[in-house]
Amino acid sequence: MAKLSTISIVQKDSVFAVKGPLFFASTHSFLHYFETVNYDNEQLTIDFSYSHILDHSGVEALKSFVIDMKNQKRKIFIIGLDIHNPELSKEIESLLIE
């Protein structure tokens, strides 16, 4: 039986590859990872090529992370983002444009 709430993040330099679905059951792991890692760069790239944001909780976790990084004066790039809901996609796009 697969554990659907598993999410992993692999870091290579300033690129963080997210693997697994980001939704209500995995948001804590996602945010906890970024709370514990040391950032050497002012620019970070989050690669969602191997992940999907499935619900509003996933969007809120990503928004929380982006806001936190902006407050730390870091520039965030999101690549490979696939959100299964157009309304949620608009929320993320508006946050990244600000």
PDB file of N, CA and C in Angstrom:
ATOM      1  N   MET A   1       0.843  -1.171   0.000  1.00  0.00           N
ATOM      2  CA  MET A   1       0.000   0.000   0.000  1.00  0.00           C
ATOM      3  C   MET A   1       0.893   1.240   0.000  1.00  0.00           C
ATOM      4  N   ALA A   2       0.609   2.185  -0.888  1.00  0.00           N
ATOM      5  CA  ALA A   2       1.393   3.408  -1.020  1.00  0.00           C
ATOM      6  C   ALA A   2       1.000   4.413   0.049  1.00  0.00           C
ATOM      7  N   LYS A   3       1.985   5.135   0.534  1.00  0.00           N
ATOM      8  CA  LYS A   3       1.731   6.199   1.497  1.00  0.00           C
ATOM      9  C   LYS A   3       1.636   7.506   0.726  1.00  0.00           C
ATOM     10  N   LEU A   4       0.432   7.997   0.493  1.00  0.00           N
ATOM     11  CA  LEU A   4       0.201   9.159  -0.351  1.00  0.00           C
ATOM     12  C   LEU A   4       0.670  10.473   0.261  1.00  0.00           C
ATOM     13  N   SER A   5       0.806  10.525   1.578  1.00  0.00           N
ATOM     14  CA  SER A   5       1.170  11.785   2.211  1.00  0.00           C
ATOM     15  C   SER A   5       2.683  12.029   2.195  1.00  0.00           C
ATOM     16  N   THR A   6       3.438  11.116   1.607  1.00  0.00           N
ATOM     17  CA  THR A   6       4.880  11.275   1.573  1.00  0.00           C
ATOM     18  C   THR A   6       5.290  12.303   0.528  1.00  0.00           C
ATOM     19  N   ILE A   7       6.106  13.230   0.974  1.00  0.00           N
ATOM     20  CA  ILE A   7       6.681  14.218   0.070  1.00  0.00           C
ATOM     21  C   ILE A   7       8.159  14.289   0.412  1.00  0.00           C
ATOM     22  N   SER A   8       8.991  14.401  -0.600  1.00  0.00           N
ATOM     23  CA  SER A   8      10.419  14.535  -0.343  1.00  0.00           C
ATOM     24  C   SER A   8      10.950  15.715  -1.142  1.00  0.00           C
ATOM     25  N   ILE A   9      12.016  16.278  -0.633  1.00  0.00           N
ATOM     26  CA  ILE A   9      12.632  17.430  -1.279  1.00  0.00           C
ATOM     27  C   ILE A   9      14.124  17.152  -1.380  1.00  0.00           C
ATOM     28  N   VAL A  10      14.623  17.269  -2.594  1.00  0.00           N
ATOM     29  CA  VAL A  10      16.034  17.024  -2.850  1.00  0.00           C
ATOM     30  C   VAL A  10      16.669  18.348  -3.252  1.00  0.00           C
ATOM     31  N   GLN A  11      17.729  18.723  -2.543  1.00  0.00           N
ATOM     32  CA  GLN A  11      18.395  19.992  -2.806  1.00  0.00           C
ATOM     33  C   GLN A  11      19.687  19.766  -3.578  1.00  0.00           C
ATOM     34  N   LYS A  12      19.866  20.560  -4.620  1.00  0.00           N
ATOM     35  CA  LYS A  12      21.134  20.615  -5.343  1.00  0.00           C
ATOM     36  C   LYS A  12      21.420  22.091  -5.582  1.00  0.00           C
ATOM     37  N   ASP A  13      22.412  22.597  -4.870  1.00  0.00           N
ATOM     38  CA  ASP A  13      22.744  24.017  -4.882  1.00  0.00           C
ATOM     39  C   ASP A  13      21.522  24.815  -4.427  1.00  0.00           C
ATOM     40  N   SER A  14      21.015  25.713  -5.272  1.00  0.00           N
ATOM     41  CA  SER A  14      19.865  26.527  -4.869  1.00  0.00           C
ATOM     42  C   SER A  14      18.568  26.031  -5.505  1.00  0.00           C
ATOM     43  N   VAL A  15      18.569  24.788  -6.004  1.00  0.00           N
ATOM     44  CA  VAL A  15      17.364  24.190  -6.592  1.00  0.00           C
ATOM     45  C   VAL A  15      16.849  23.111  -5.647  1.00  0.00           C
ATOM     46  N   PHE A  16      15.551  23.199  -5.358  1.00  0.00           N
ATOM     47  CA  PHE A  16      14.905  22.243  -4.473  1.00  0.00           C
ATOM     48  C   PHE A  16      13.838  21.502  -5.271  1.00  0.00           C
ATOM     49  N   ALA A  17      14.058  20.211  -5.517  1.00  0.00           N
ATOM     50  CA  ALA A  17      13.111  19.402  -6.287  1.00  0.00           C
ATOM     51  C   ALA A  17      12.128  18.739  -5.329  1.00  0.00           C
ATOM     52  N   VAL A  18      10.853  19.036  -5.512  1.00  0.00           N
ATOM     53  CA  VAL A  18       9.786  18.477  -4.687  1.00  0.00           C
ATOM     54  C   VAL A  18       9.254  17.236  -5.383  1.00  0.00           C
ATOM     55  N   LYS A  19       9.160  16.142  -4.629  1.00  0.00           N
ATOM     56  CA  LYS A  19       8.668  14.882  -5.189  1.00  0.00           C
ATOM     57  C   LYS A  19       7.520  14.374  -4.323  1.00  0.00           C
ATOM     58  N   GLY A  20       6.391  14.144  -4.961  1.00  0.00           N
ATOM     59  CA  GLY A  20       5.199  13.694  -4.258  1.00  0.00           C
ATOM     60  C   GLY A  20       4.154  14.792  -4.224  1.00  0.00           C
ATOM     61  N   PRO A  21       2.909  14.433  -3.959  1.00  0.00           N
ATOM     62  CA  PRO A  21       1.823  15.416  -3.980  1.00  0.00           C
ATOM     63  C   PRO A  21       1.862  16.354  -2.775  1.00  0.00           C
ATOM     64  N   LEU A  22       1.583  17.629  -3.034  1.00  0.00           N
ATOM     65  CA  LEU A  22       1.462  18.612  -1.962  1.00  0.00           C
ATOM     66  C   LEU A  22      -0.020  18.859  -1.732  1.00  0.00           C
ATOM     67  N   PHE A  23      -0.505  18.417  -0.594  1.00  0.00           N
ATOM     68  CA  PHE A  23      -1.921  18.545  -0.237  1.00  0.00           C
ATOM     69  C   PHE A  23      -2.018  18.480   1.281  1.00  0.00           C
ATOM     70  N   PHE A  24      -3.227  18.466   1.821  1.00  0.00           N
ATOM     71  CA  PHE A  24      -3.430  18.615   3.264  1.00  0.00           C
ATOM     72  C   PHE A  24      -2.573  17.670   4.105  1.00  0.00           C
ATOM     73  N   ALA A  25      -2.303  16.469   3.630  1.00  0.00           N
ATOM     74  CA  ALA A  25      -1.560  15.490   4.432  1.00  0.00           C
ATOM     75  C   ALA A  25      -0.038  15.657   4.348  1.00  0.00           C
ATOM     76  N   SER A  26       0.452  16.473   3.418  1.00  0.00           N
ATOM     77  CA  SER A  26       1.904  16.599   3.266  1.00  0.00           C
ATOM     78  C   SER A  26       2.422  18.018   3.490  1.00  0.00           C
ATOM     79  N   THR A  27       1.532  18.959   3.772  1.00  0.00           N
ATOM     80  CA  THR A  27       1.973  20.352   3.903  1.00  0.00           C
ATOM     81  C   THR A  27       2.922  20.556   5.081  1.00  0.00           C
ATOM     82  N   HIS A  28       2.689  19.865   6.179  1.00  0.00           N
ATOM     83  CA  HIS A  28       3.560  20.017   7.355  1.00  0.00           C
ATOM     84  C   HIS A  28       4.988  19.604   7.006  1.00  0.00           C
ATOM     85  N   SER A  29       5.140  18.476   6.331  1.00  0.00           N
ATOM     86  CA  SER A  29       6.476  18.003   5.941  1.00  0.00           C
ATOM     87  C   SER A  29       7.150  18.994   5.006  1.00  0.00           C
ATOM     88  N   PHE A  30       6.385  19.533   4.057  1.00  0.00           N
ATOM     89  CA  PHE A  30       6.913  20.514   3.103  1.00  0.00           C
ATOM     90  C   PHE A  30       7.441  21.746   3.835  1.00  0.00           C
ATOM     91  N   LEU A  31       6.614  22.334   4.687  1.00  0.00           N
ATOM     92  CA  LEU A  31       7.017  23.544   5.401  1.00  0.00           C
ATOM     93  C   LEU A  31       8.137  23.271   6.396  1.00  0.00           C
ATOM     94  N   HIS A  32       8.079  22.134   7.068  1.00  0.00           N
ATOM     95  CA  HIS A  32       9.104  21.782   8.046  1.00  0.00           C
ATOM     96  C   HIS A  32      10.475  21.667   7.382  1.00  0.00           C
ATOM     97  N   TYR A  33      10.517  21.090   6.201  1.00  0.00           N
ATOM     98  CA  TYR A  33      11.795  20.972   5.493  1.00  0.00           C
ATOM     99  C   TYR A  33      12.423  22.347   5.300  1.00  0.00           C
ATOM    100  N   PHE A  34      11.656  23.285   4.810  1.00  0.00           N
ATOM    101  CA  PHE A  34      12.199  24.606   4.519  1.00  0.00           C
ATOM    102  C   PHE A  34      12.481  25.421   5.785  1.00  0.00           C
ATOM    103  N   GLU A  35      11.887  25.042   6.891  1.00  0.00           N
ATOM    104  CA  GLU A  35      12.208  25.704   8.162  1.00  0.00           C
ATOM    105  C   GLU A  35      13.556  25.249   8.695  1.00  0.00           C
ATOM    106  N   THR A  36      13.994  24.063   8.311  1.00  0.00           N
ATOM    107  CA  THR A  36      15.210  23.490   8.884  1.00  0.00           C
ATOM    108  C   THR A  36      16.442  23.608   7.995  1.00  0.00           C
ATOM    109  N   VAL A  37      16.278  24.015   6.745  1.00  0.00           N
ATOM    110  CA  VAL A  37      17.418  24.076   5.826  1.00  0.00           C
ATOM    111  C   VAL A  37      18.073  25.460   5.880  1.00  0.00           C
ATOM    112  N   ASN A  38      19.378  25.480   5.706  1.00  0.00           N
ATOM    113  CA  ASN A  38      20.103  26.754   5.637  1.00  0.00           C
ATOM    114  C   ASN A  38      20.213  27.174   4.183  1.00  0.00           C
ATOM    115  N   TYR A  39      19.920  28.440   3.919  1.00  0.00           N
ATOM    116  CA  TYR A  39      19.956  28.974   2.562  1.00  0.00           C
ATOM    117  C   TYR A  39      21.210  29.815   2.390  1.00  0.00           C
ATOM    118  N   ASP A  40      22.037  29.448   1.423  1.00  0.00           N
ATOM    119  CA  ASP A  40      23.241  30.218   1.142  1.00  0.00           C
ATOM    120  C   ASP A  40      23.003  31.260   0.061  1.00  0.00           C
ATOM    121  N   ASN A  41      21.959  31.089  -0.712  1.00  0.00           N
ATOM    122  CA  ASN A  41      21.712  31.959  -1.861  1.00  0.00           C
ATOM    123  C   ASN A  41      20.527  32.882  -1.630  1.00  0.00           C
ATOM    124  N   GLU A  42      20.566  34.011  -2.323  1.00  0.00           N
ATOM    125  CA  GLU A  42      19.427  34.927  -2.271  1.00  0.00           C
ATOM    126  C   GLU A  42      18.345  34.518  -3.258  1.00  0.00           C
ATOM    127  N   GLN A  43      18.682  33.636  -4.197  1.00  0.00           N
ATOM    128  CA  GLN A  43      17.716  33.121  -5.171  1.00  0.00           C
ATOM    129  C   GLN A  43      17.514  31.634  -4.933  1.00  0.00           C
ATOM    130  N   LEU A  44      16.252  31.232  -4.929  1.00  0.00           N
ATOM    131  CA  LEU A  44      15.921  29.823  -4.772  1.00  0.00           C
ATOM    132  C   LEU A  44      14.994  29.402  -5.894  1.00  0.00           C
ATOM    133  N   THR A  45      15.191  28.204  -6.387  1.00  0.00           N
ATOM    134  CA  THR A  45      14.292  27.638  -7.389  1.00  0.00           C
ATOM    135  C   THR A  45      13.631  26.413  -6.776  1.00  0.00           C
ATOM    136  N   ILE A  46      12.304  26.389  -6.835  1.00  0.00           N
ATOM    137  CA  ILE A  46      11.545  25.248  -6.363  1.00  0.00           C
ATOM    138  C   ILE A  46      11.013  24.536  -7.598  1.00  0.00           C
ATOM    139  N   ASP A  47      11.407  23.293  -7.770  1.00  0.00           N
ATOM    140  CA  ASP A  47      11.039  22.512  -8.946  1.00  0.00           C
ATOM    141  C   ASP A  47       9.914  21.541  -8.590  1.00  0.00           C
ATOM    142  N   PHE A  48       8.744  21.794  -9.158  1.00  0.00           N
ATOM    143  CA  PHE A  48       7.575  20.947  -8.926  1.00  0.00           C
ATOM    144  C   PHE A  48       7.330  19.966 -10.082  1.00  0.00           C
ATOM    145  N   SER A  49       8.358  19.689 -10.890  1.00  0.00           N
ATOM    146  CA  SER A  49       8.188  18.787 -12.040  1.00  0.00           C
ATOM    147  C   SER A  49       7.721  17.393 -11.638  1.00  0.00           C
ATOM    148  N   TYR A  50       8.059  16.981 -10.414  1.00  0.00           N
ATOM    149  CA  TYR A  50       7.688  15.642  -9.939  1.00  0.00           C
ATOM    150  C   TYR A  50       6.659  15.715  -8.821  1.00  0.00           C
ATOM    151  N   SER A  51       5.894  16.785  -8.812  1.00  0.00           N
ATOM    152  CA  SER A  51       4.899  16.991  -7.768  1.00  0.00           C
ATOM    153  C   SER A  51       3.656  17.633  -8.360  1.00  0.00           C
ATOM    154  N   HIS A  52       2.586  17.589  -7.617  1.00  0.00           N
ATOM    155  CA  HIS A  52       1.327  18.247  -7.977  1.00  0.00           C
ATOM    156  C   HIS A  52       0.764  18.884  -6.724  1.00  0.00           C
ATOM    157  N   ILE A  53       0.163  20.036  -6.871  1.00  0.00           N
ATOM    158  CA  ILE A  53      -0.573  20.640  -5.766  1.00  0.00           C
ATOM    159  C   ILE A  53      -2.016  20.243  -5.952  1.00  0.00           C
ATOM    160  N   LEU A  54      -2.536  19.515  -4.986  1.00  0.00           N
ATOM    161  CA  LEU A  54      -3.845  18.893  -5.163  1.00  0.00           C
ATOM    162  C   LEU A  54      -5.004  19.655  -4.544  1.00  0.00           C
ATOM    163  N   ASP A  55      -4.738  20.485  -3.545  1.00  0.00           N
ATOM    164  CA  ASP A  55      -5.860  21.145  -2.880  1.00  0.00           C
ATOM    165  C   ASP A  55      -5.442  22.512  -2.343  1.00  0.00           C
ATOM    166  N   HIS A  56      -6.387  23.171  -1.710  1.00  0.00           N
ATOM    167  CA  HIS A  56      -6.149  24.509  -1.190  1.00  0.00           C
ATOM    168  C   HIS A  56      -5.072  24.508  -0.100  1.00  0.00           C
ATOM    169  N   SER A  57      -4.973  23.442   0.675  1.00  0.00           N
ATOM    170  CA  SER A  57      -3.936  23.349   1.707  1.00  0.00           C
ATOM    171  C   SER A  57      -2.546  23.391   1.083  1.00  0.00           C
ATOM    172  N   GLY A  58      -2.391  22.730  -0.047  1.00  0.00           N
ATOM    173  CA  GLY A  58      -1.115  22.759  -0.757  1.00  0.00           C
ATOM    174  C   GLY A  58      -0.778  24.149  -1.251  1.00  0.00           C
ATOM    175  N   VAL A  59      -1.768  24.843  -1.772  1.00  0.00           N
ATOM    176  CA  VAL A  59      -1.573  26.222  -2.233  1.00  0.00           C
ATOM    177  C   VAL A  59      -1.189  27.106  -1.057  1.00  0.00           C
ATOM    178  N   GLU A  60      -1.882  26.963   0.050  1.00  0.00           N
ATOM    179  CA  GLU A  60      -1.593  27.785   1.226  1.00  0.00           C
ATOM    180  C   GLU A  60      -0.185  27.515   1.752  1.00  0.00           C
ATOM    181  N   ALA A  61       0.259  26.270   1.718  1.00  0.00           N
ATOM    182  CA  ALA A  61       1.618  25.950   2.163  1.00  0.00           C
ATOM    183  C   ALA A  61       2.642  26.614   1.255  1.00  0.00           C
ATOM    184  N   LEU A  62       2.419  26.551  -0.046  1.00  0.00           N
ATOM    185  CA  LEU A  62       3.335  27.186  -0.990  1.00  0.00           C
ATOM    186  C   LEU A  62       3.314  28.707  -0.816  1.00  0.00           C
ATOM    187  N   LYS A  63       2.132  29.273  -0.637  1.00  0.00           N
ATOM    188  CA  LYS A  63       2.017  30.715  -0.413  1.00  0.00           C
ATOM    189  C   LYS A  63       2.766  31.127   0.855  1.00  0.00           C
ATOM    190  N   SER A  64       2.597  30.367   1.915  1.00  0.00           N
ATOM    191  CA  SER A  64       3.269  30.654   3.173  1.00  0.00           C
ATOM    192  C   SER A  64       4.784  30.634   2.992  1.00  0.00           C
ATOM    193  N   PHE A  65       5.271  29.646   2.268  1.00  0.00           N
ATOM    194  CA  PHE A  65       6.704  29.542   2.002  1.00  0.00           C
ATOM    195  C   PHE A  65       7.197  30.736   1.182  1.00  0.00           C
ATOM    196  N   VAL A  66       6.487  31.084   0.123  1.00  0.00           N
ATOM    197  CA  VAL A  66       6.898  32.194  -0.745  1.00  0.00           C
ATOM    198  C   VAL A  66       6.903  33.506   0.039  1.00  0.00           C
ATOM    199  N   ILE A  67       5.887  33.741   0.834  1.00  0.00           N
ATOM    200  CA  ILE A  67       5.825  34.958   1.644  1.00  0.00           C
ATOM    201  C   ILE A  67       6.994  35.008   2.623  1.00  0.00           C
ATOM    202  N   ASP A  68       7.285  33.887   3.266  1.00  0.00           N
ATOM    203  CA  ASP A  68       8.405  33.825   4.203  1.00  0.00           C
ATOM    204  C   ASP A  68       9.723  34.148   3.495  1.00  0.00           C
ATOM    205  N   MET A  69       9.918  33.598   2.317  1.00  0.00           N
ATOM    206  CA  MET A  69      11.156  33.854   1.569  1.00  0.00           C
ATOM    207  C   MET A  69      11.235  35.314   1.118  1.00  0.00           C
ATOM    208  N   LYS A  70      10.109  35.876   0.704  1.00  0.00           N
ATOM    209  CA  LYS A  70      10.096  37.291   0.315  1.00  0.00           C
ATOM    210  C   LYS A  70      10.414  38.179   1.516  1.00  0.00           C
ATOM    211  N   ASN A  71       9.916  37.817   2.687  1.00  0.00           N
ATOM    212  CA  ASN A  71      10.220  38.584   3.893  1.00  0.00           C
ATOM    213  C   ASN A  71      11.709  38.527   4.233  1.00  0.00           C
ATOM    214  N   GLN A  72      12.362  37.456   3.800  1.00  0.00           N
ATOM    215  CA  GLN A  72      13.805  37.316   4.007  1.00  0.00           C
ATOM    216  C   GLN A  72      14.599  37.914   2.841  1.00  0.00           C
ATOM    217  N   LYS A  73      13.897  38.614   1.945  1.00  0.00           N
ATOM    218  CA  LYS A  73      14.506  39.271   0.778  1.00  0.00           C
ATOM    219  C   LYS A  73      15.134  38.271  -0.193  1.00  0.00           C
ATOM    220  N   ARG A  74      14.526  37.104  -0.316  1.00  0.00           N
ATOM    221  CA  ARG A  74      14.996  36.091  -1.267  1.00  0.00           C
ATOM    222  C   ARG A  74      14.081  36.082  -2.485  1.00  0.00           C
ATOM    223  N   LYS A  75      14.672  35.834  -3.630  1.00  0.00           N
ATOM    224  CA  LYS A  75      13.916  35.751  -4.875  1.00  0.00           C
ATOM    225  C   LYS A  75      13.582  34.271  -5.119  1.00  0.00           C
ATOM    226  N   ILE A  76      12.313  34.013  -5.431  1.00  0.00           N
ATOM    227  CA  ILE A  76      11.834  32.647  -5.612  1.00  0.00           C
ATOM    228  C   ILE A  76      11.424  32.427  -7.058  1.00  0.00           C
ATOM    229  N   PHE A  77      11.875  31.317  -7.602  1.00  0.00           N
ATOM    230  CA  PHE A  77      11.432  30.870  -8.919  1.00  0.00           C
ATOM    231  C   PHE A  77      10.745  29.527  -8.732  1.00  0.00           C
ATOM    232  N   ILE A  78       9.585  29.378  -9.337  1.00  0.00           N
ATOM    233  CA  ILE A  78       8.844  28.121  -9.283  1.00  0.00           C
ATOM    234  C   ILE A  78       8.805  27.572 -10.703  1.00  0.00           C
ATOM    235  N   ILE A  79       9.260  26.337 -10.864  1.00  0.00           N
ATOM    236  CA  ILE A  79       9.215  25.704 -12.187  1.00  0.00           C
ATOM    237  C   ILE A  79       8.457  24.388 -12.093  1.00  0.00           C
ATOM    238  N   GLY A  80       7.899  23.961 -13.211  1.00  0.00           N
ATOM    239  CA  GLY A  80       7.221  22.674 -13.296  1.00  0.00           C
ATOM    240  C   GLY A  80       5.937  22.581 -12.496  1.00  0.00           C
ATOM    241  N   LEU A  81       5.326  23.717 -12.190  1.00  0.00           N
ATOM    242  CA  LEU A  81       4.146  23.723 -11.323  1.00  0.00           C
ATOM    243  C   LEU A  81       2.919  23.233 -12.067  1.00  0.00           C
ATOM    244  N   ASP A  82       2.230  22.258 -11.484  1.00  0.00           N
ATOM    245  CA  ASP A  82       1.009  21.698 -12.056  1.00  0.00           C
ATOM    246  C   ASP A  82      -0.052  21.676 -10.964  1.00  0.00           C
ATOM    247  N   ILE A  83      -0.993  22.594 -11.072  1.00  0.00           N
ATOM    248  CA  ILE A  83      -2.080  22.662 -10.095  1.00  0.00           C
ATOM    249  C   ILE A  83      -3.340  22.173 -10.798  1.00  0.00           C
ATOM    250  N   HIS A  84      -4.047  21.264 -10.145  1.00  0.00           N
ATOM    251  CA  HIS A  84      -5.210  20.634 -10.767  1.00  0.00           C
ATOM    252  C   HIS A  84      -6.479  21.477 -10.735  1.00  0.00           C
ATOM    253  N   ASN A  85      -6.376  22.693 -10.257  1.00  0.00           N
ATOM    254  CA  ASN A  85      -7.555  23.542 -10.153  1.00  0.00           C
ATOM    255  C   ASN A  85      -7.194  24.942 -10.644  1.00  0.00           C
ATOM    256  N   PRO A  86      -7.863  25.434 -11.683  1.00  0.00           N
ATOM    257  CA  PRO A  86      -7.534  26.763 -12.231  1.00  0.00           C
ATOM    258  C   PRO A  86      -7.629  27.898 -11.216  1.00  0.00           C
ATOM    259  N   GLU A  87      -8.569  27.818 -10.298  1.00  0.00           N
ATOM    260  CA  GLU A  87      -8.705  28.869  -9.281  1.00  0.00           C
ATOM    261  C   GLU A  87      -7.478  28.900  -8.377  1.00  0.00           C
ATOM    262  N   LEU A  88      -6.998  27.734  -7.983  1.00  0.00           N
ATOM    263  CA  LEU A  88      -5.815  27.673  -7.131  1.00  0.00           C
ATOM    264  C   LEU A  88      -4.588  28.150  -7.897  1.00  0.00           C
ATOM    265  N   SER A  89      -4.530  27.843  -9.166  1.00  0.00           N
ATOM    266  CA  SER A  89      -3.417  28.271 -10.011  1.00  0.00           C
ATOM    267  C   SER A  89      -3.330  29.796 -10.051  1.00  0.00           C
ATOM    268  N   LYS A  90      -4.477  30.458 -10.149  1.00  0.00           N
ATOM    269  CA  LYS A  90      -4.507  31.926 -10.170  1.00  0.00           C
ATOM    270  C   LYS A  90      -3.948  32.509  -8.873  1.00  0.00           C
ATOM    271  N   GLU A  91      -4.247  31.860  -7.746  1.00  0.00           N
ATOM    272  CA  GLU A  91      -3.743  32.343  -6.458  1.00  0.00           C
ATOM    273  C   GLU A  91      -2.222  32.328  -6.427  1.00  0.00           C
ATOM    274  N   ILE A  92      -1.633  31.253  -6.908  1.00  0.00           N
ATOM    275  CA  ILE A  92      -0.174  31.137  -6.919  1.00  0.00           C
ATOM    276  C   ILE A  92       0.431  32.140  -7.876  1.00  0.00           C
ATOM    277  N   GLU A  93      -0.128  32.260  -9.058  1.00  0.00           N
ATOM    278  CA  GLU A  93       0.395  33.212 -10.048  1.00  0.00           C
ATOM    279  C   GLU A  93       0.390  34.630  -9.497  1.00  0.00           C
ATOM    280  N   SER A  94      -0.681  35.025  -8.834  1.00  0.00           N
ATOM    281  CA  SER A  94      -0.765  36.392  -8.312  1.00  0.00           C
ATOM    282  C   SER A  94       0.280  36.626  -7.226  1.00  0.00           C
ATOM    283  N   LEU A  95       0.573  35.634  -6.448  1.00  0.00           N
ATOM    284  CA  LEU A  95       1.572  35.767  -5.389  1.00  0.00           C
ATOM    285  C   LEU A  95       2.972  35.923  -5.968  1.00  0.00           C
ATOM    286  N   LEU A  96       3.273  35.195  -7.014  1.00  0.00           N
ATOM    287  CA  LEU A  96       4.609  35.246  -7.603  1.00  0.00           C
ATOM    288  C   LEU A  96       4.851  36.532  -8.370  1.00  0.00           C
ATOM    289  N   ILE A  97       3.782  37.161  -8.851  1.00  0.00           N
ATOM    290  CA  ILE A  97       3.909  38.403  -9.620  1.00  0.00           C
ATOM    291  C   ILE A  97       4.142  39.598  -8.686  1.00  0.00           C
ATOM    292  N   GLU A  98       3.628  39.533  -7.474  1.00  0.00           N
ATOM    293  CA  GLU A  98       3.735  40.664  -6.528  1.00  0.00           C
ATOM    294  C   GLU A  98       5.167  41.099  -6.334  1.00  0.00           C
TER     295      GLU A  98
END
